[in-house]
Amino acid sequence: MSDSRDGSSPVWLLVGLGNPGPTYAGHRHNIGYLVADELATRLGSGFRAHKSGRADVVEGRVGAPGTGGPRVVLARPRSYMNEVGGPVKALATAYKVPPERVVAIHDELDIAFDTMRVKLGGGDNGHNGLKSMRASLGTGDFHRVRVGIGRPPGRQEVADFVLSNYSSAERKVLPFVVDTAADAVECLVAEGLEKTQQRFNS
């Protein structure tokens, strides 16, 4: 599937950031994977290995079946967070997706849990996944769906906090957070950044 096949609709690359494997599955750092799983369910398809061998992907269209919504490639890189840029670059090249149609879905320390923000470009804020993507794509001008996890309590180290599980209270709310973030990704692709920010930025 490339831009040229039907000519009419450009492809968006939606990347859920996280660390692969069951050890990391419930960690705050893996919210991007959780949102990607929800989006895959909405697209009505399971992930399959991309021929690059570096990511699992789902191809489809956002919106109700048969509506001809925007074409997307949803991806979960198989690499660890600090090496995610390579697989993202390989997919962007394979599907002919420019950086401005790449969407990184990731955890954000500077936003409270149960809130989120969507933006285009910006810094990495110490996030190794964003840093790796910027290095591989050669620019930071890609979209970000920033899902808040808040700052660690007390004196807990940031690295320990992001690589720890959500609290029991947070886990009760988490399905709604994931659902809202998936809504924001779909809105961004279908209706653009400005409308998405007005609706979802808290």
Protein backbone atom coordinates (compact mmCIF):
# COMPACT_ATOMS: atom_id res chain seq x y z
CA MET A 1 0.00 0.00 0.00
CA SER A 2 1.58 3.25 -1.05
CA ASP A 3 0.40 6.75 -1.66
CA SER A 4 0.04 6.10 -5.34
CA ARG A 5 -2.30 3.14 -5.32
CA ASP A 6 -5.58 5.03 -5.19
CA GLY A 7 -4.04 8.48 -5.52
CA SER A 8 -6.85 10.17 -3.64
CA SER A 9 -6.02 9.80 0.01
CA PRO A 10 -2.66 10.17 1.73
CA VAL A 11 -1.57 7.64 4.32
CA TRP A 12 -1.07 8.46 8.01
CA LEU A 13 1.37 6.47 10.14
CA LEU A 14 0.07 6.06 13.71
CA VAL A 15 2.75 4.81 16.11
CA GLY A 16 1.97 3.52 19.59
CA LEU A 17 5.12 3.89 21.68
CA GLY A 18 6.02 1.29 24.30
CA ASN A 19 8.39 -1.50 25.21
CA PRO A 20 7.68 -4.98 23.78
CA GLY A 21 7.02 -8.06 25.86
CA PRO A 22 4.84 -9.03 28.85
CA THR A 23 7.26 -7.58 31.42
CA TYR A 24 6.41 -4.05 30.31
CA ALA A 25 2.78 -4.52 29.30
CA GLY A 26 1.13 -2.71 32.22
CA HIS A 27 3.69 0.06 32.64
CA ARG A 28 2.87 3.75 32.35
CA HIS A 29 5.48 3.98 29.58
CA ASN A 30 3.35 1.61 27.49
CA ILE A 31 0.19 3.69 27.17
CA GLY A 32 0.96 4.09 23.45
CA TYR A 33 0.69 0.33 22.97
CA LEU A 34 -2.65 0.27 24.81
CA VAL A 35 -4.07 3.01 22.59
CA ALA A 36 -2.73 1.22 19.50
CA ASP A 37 -4.51 -1.96 20.62
CA GLU A 38 -7.78 -0.03 20.94
CA LEU A 39 -7.33 1.51 17.49
CA ALA A 40 -6.63 -1.94 16.01
CA THR A 41 -9.90 -3.18 17.50
CA ARG A 42 -11.72 -0.24 15.90
CA LEU A 43 -10.06 -0.97 12.55
CA GLY A 44 -11.37 -4.54 12.88
CA SER A 45 -8.03 -6.25 12.39
CA GLY A 46 -5.23 -7.80 14.39
CA PHE A 47 -1.60 -6.75 14.15
CA ARG A 48 0.61 -8.64 11.71
CA ALA A 49 4.33 -8.55 11.14
CA HIS A 50 5.52 -5.94 8.67
CA LYS A 51 7.96 -7.24 6.06
CA SER A 52 10.71 -5.09 7.62
CA GLY A 53 10.52 -7.38 10.64
CA ARG A 54 10.78 -4.37 12.93
CA ALA A 55 7.15 -3.63 13.70
CA ASP A 56 3.64 -5.06 13.76
CA VAL A 57 1.07 -3.18 11.70
CA VAL A 58 -2.60 -2.87 10.86
CA GLU A 59 -3.71 -1.14 7.65
CA GLY A 60 -7.18 0.32 7.28
CA ARG A 61 -9.36 3.40 7.19
CA VAL A 62 -10.52 5.53 10.09
CA GLY A 63 -14.29 5.83 10.45
CA ALA A 64 -17.30 3.66 9.81
CA PRO A 65 -16.84 0.82 7.28
CA GLY A 66 -17.47 1.90 3.72
CA THR A 67 -17.20 5.63 4.45
CA GLY A 68 -13.86 6.04 2.70
CA GLY A 69 -12.22 7.66 5.70
CA PRO A 70 -8.51 8.51 5.89
CA ARG A 71 -6.08 5.66 5.22
CA VAL A 72 -3.86 4.72 8.14
CA VAL A 73 -1.05 2.37 9.01
CA LEU A 74 -1.17 1.64 12.72
CA ALA A 75 2.15 0.41 14.10
CA ARG A 76 3.63 -1.09 17.24
CA PRO A 77 7.44 -1.12 16.87
CA ARG A 78 9.14 -4.27 18.14
CA SER A 79 12.17 -2.38 19.43
CA TYR A 80 12.66 -0.90 22.87
CA MET A 81 11.66 2.71 23.41
CA ASN A 82 15.13 4.22 22.92
CA GLU A 83 15.50 2.53 19.51
CA VAL A 84 12.02 3.11 18.12
CA GLY A 85 13.16 5.64 15.51
CA GLY A 86 14.63 3.02 13.18
CA PRO A 87 11.40 1.02 12.76
CA VAL A 88 9.36 4.24 12.44
CA LYS A 89 11.68 5.55 9.71
CA ALA A 90 11.50 2.20 7.88
CA LEU A 91 7.69 2.29 7.92
CA ALA A 92 7.53 5.96 6.91
CA THR A 93 9.77 5.15 3.95
CA ALA A 94 7.86 2.01 2.97
CA TYR A 95 4.47 3.76 3.00
CA LYS A 96 5.78 7.12 1.69
CA VAL A 97 4.56 9.02 4.76
CA PRO A 98 6.12 12.45 5.42
CA PRO A 99 6.85 13.44 9.06
CA GLU A 100 3.80 15.71 9.29
CA ARG A 101 1.55 12.67 8.78
CA VAL A 102 3.30 10.63 11.47
CA VAL A 103 1.52 10.49 14.85
CA ALA A 104 3.38 9.37 17.99
CA ILE A 105 1.09 8.20 20.81
CA HIS A 106 3.03 8.36 24.07
CA ASP A 107 3.08 8.90 27.83
CA GLU A 108 3.71 12.44 29.10
CA LEU A 109 5.09 13.25 32.57
CA ASP A 110 4.17 16.94 32.50
CA ILE A 111 0.45 16.28 32.07
CA ALA A 112 -1.70 14.96 34.90
CA PHE A 113 -3.13 11.46 34.68
CA ASP A 114 -6.54 11.35 32.96
CA THR A 115 -5.72 14.40 30.81
CA MET A 116 -4.10 14.67 27.41
CA ARG A 117 -2.90 17.08 24.74
CA VAL A 118 -2.34 16.89 21.01
CA LYS A 119 0.27 18.95 19.20
CA LEU A 120 2.54 19.16 16.17
CA GLY A 121 6.29 19.31 16.77
CA GLY A 122 8.01 20.41 19.95
CA GLY A 123 10.77 19.12 22.17
CA ASP A 124 11.37 15.62 23.49
CA ASN A 125 11.06 16.46 27.21
CA GLY A 126 13.45 13.64 28.05
CA HIS A 127 11.25 11.04 26.34
CA ASN A 128 13.58 8.47 24.75
CA GLY A 129 11.01 7.37 22.18
CA LEU A 130 10.48 10.89 20.86
CA LYS A 131 14.24 11.49 20.91
CA SER A 132 14.85 8.37 18.82
CA MET A 133 12.09 9.30 16.36
CA ARG A 134 13.48 12.81 15.95
CA ALA A 135 16.97 11.44 15.26
CA SER A 136 15.77 8.91 12.67
CA LEU A 137 13.22 11.13 10.91
CA GLY A 138 15.60 14.10 10.92
CA THR A 139 12.93 16.37 12.39
CA GLY A 140 10.64 16.74 15.39
CA ASP A 141 7.81 18.02 13.21
CA PHE A 142 5.52 15.05 13.67
CA HIS A 143 2.23 14.98 15.58
CA ARG A 144 2.09 13.82 19.18
CA VAL A 145 -0.86 12.54 21.16
CA ARG A 146 0.46 13.09 24.68
CA VAL A 147 -1.33 10.97 27.26
CA GLY A 148 -0.74 12.25 30.78
CA ILE A 149 0.78 10.04 33.47
CA GLY A 150 1.74 12.80 35.91
CA ARG A 151 4.96 13.17 37.87
CA PRO A 152 6.26 10.51 40.27
CA PRO A 153 5.17 10.86 43.90
CA GLY A 154 7.68 11.84 46.56
CA ARG A 155 11.27 11.14 45.62
CA GLN A 156 10.66 8.26 43.24
CA GLU A 157 12.99 8.36 40.24
CA VAL A 158 11.34 9.19 36.92
CA ALA A 159 12.78 6.06 35.27
CA ASP A 160 11.32 3.84 38.00
CA PHE A 161 7.98 5.63 37.80
CA VAL A 162 7.46 5.28 34.05
CA LEU A 163 8.54 1.62 34.20
CA SER A 164 6.02 0.78 36.90
CA ASN A 165 2.38 -0.28 36.78
CA TYR A 166 -0.55 2.08 37.18
CA SER A 167 -2.04 2.30 40.66
CA SER A 168 -5.24 0.38 41.39
CA ALA A 169 -7.22 3.64 41.36
CA GLU A 170 -5.70 4.62 38.01
CA ARG A 171 -6.41 1.21 36.51
CA LYS A 172 -10.14 1.77 37.06
CA VAL A 173 -10.00 4.91 34.94
CA LEU A 174 -7.44 3.68 32.40
CA PRO A 175 -9.94 2.16 29.91
CA PHE A 176 -11.60 5.59 29.59
CA VAL A 177 -8.20 7.27 29.13
CA VAL A 178 -7.29 4.81 26.38
CA ASP A 179 -10.67 5.25 24.70
CA THR A 180 -10.38 9.05 24.73
CA ALA A 181 -6.84 8.96 23.35
CA ALA A 182 -7.98 6.68 20.52
CA ASP A 183 -10.80 9.14 19.80
CA ALA A 184 -8.23 11.95 19.63
CA VAL A 185 -6.06 10.05 17.16
CA GLU A 186 -9.06 9.41 14.90
CA CYS A 187 -10.15 13.05 15.16
CA LEU A 188 -6.65 14.27 14.29
CA VAL A 189 -6.50 12.16 11.14
CA ALA A 190 -10.08 12.87 10.05
CA GLU A 191 -10.60 16.51 11.09
CA GLY A 192 -7.17 18.06 11.59
CA LEU A 193 -5.10 19.43 14.45
CA GLU A 194 -7.09 22.55 15.32
CA LYS A 195 -10.41 20.78 15.84
CA THR A 196 -8.68 18.00 17.76
CA GLN A 197 -6.97 20.46 20.10
CA GLN A 198 -10.23 22.30 20.72
CA ARG A 199 -11.98 19.06 21.61
CA PHE A 200 -9.33 17.13 23.52
CA ASN A 201 -6.63 19.42 24.92
CA SER A 202 -7.29 19.74 28.63
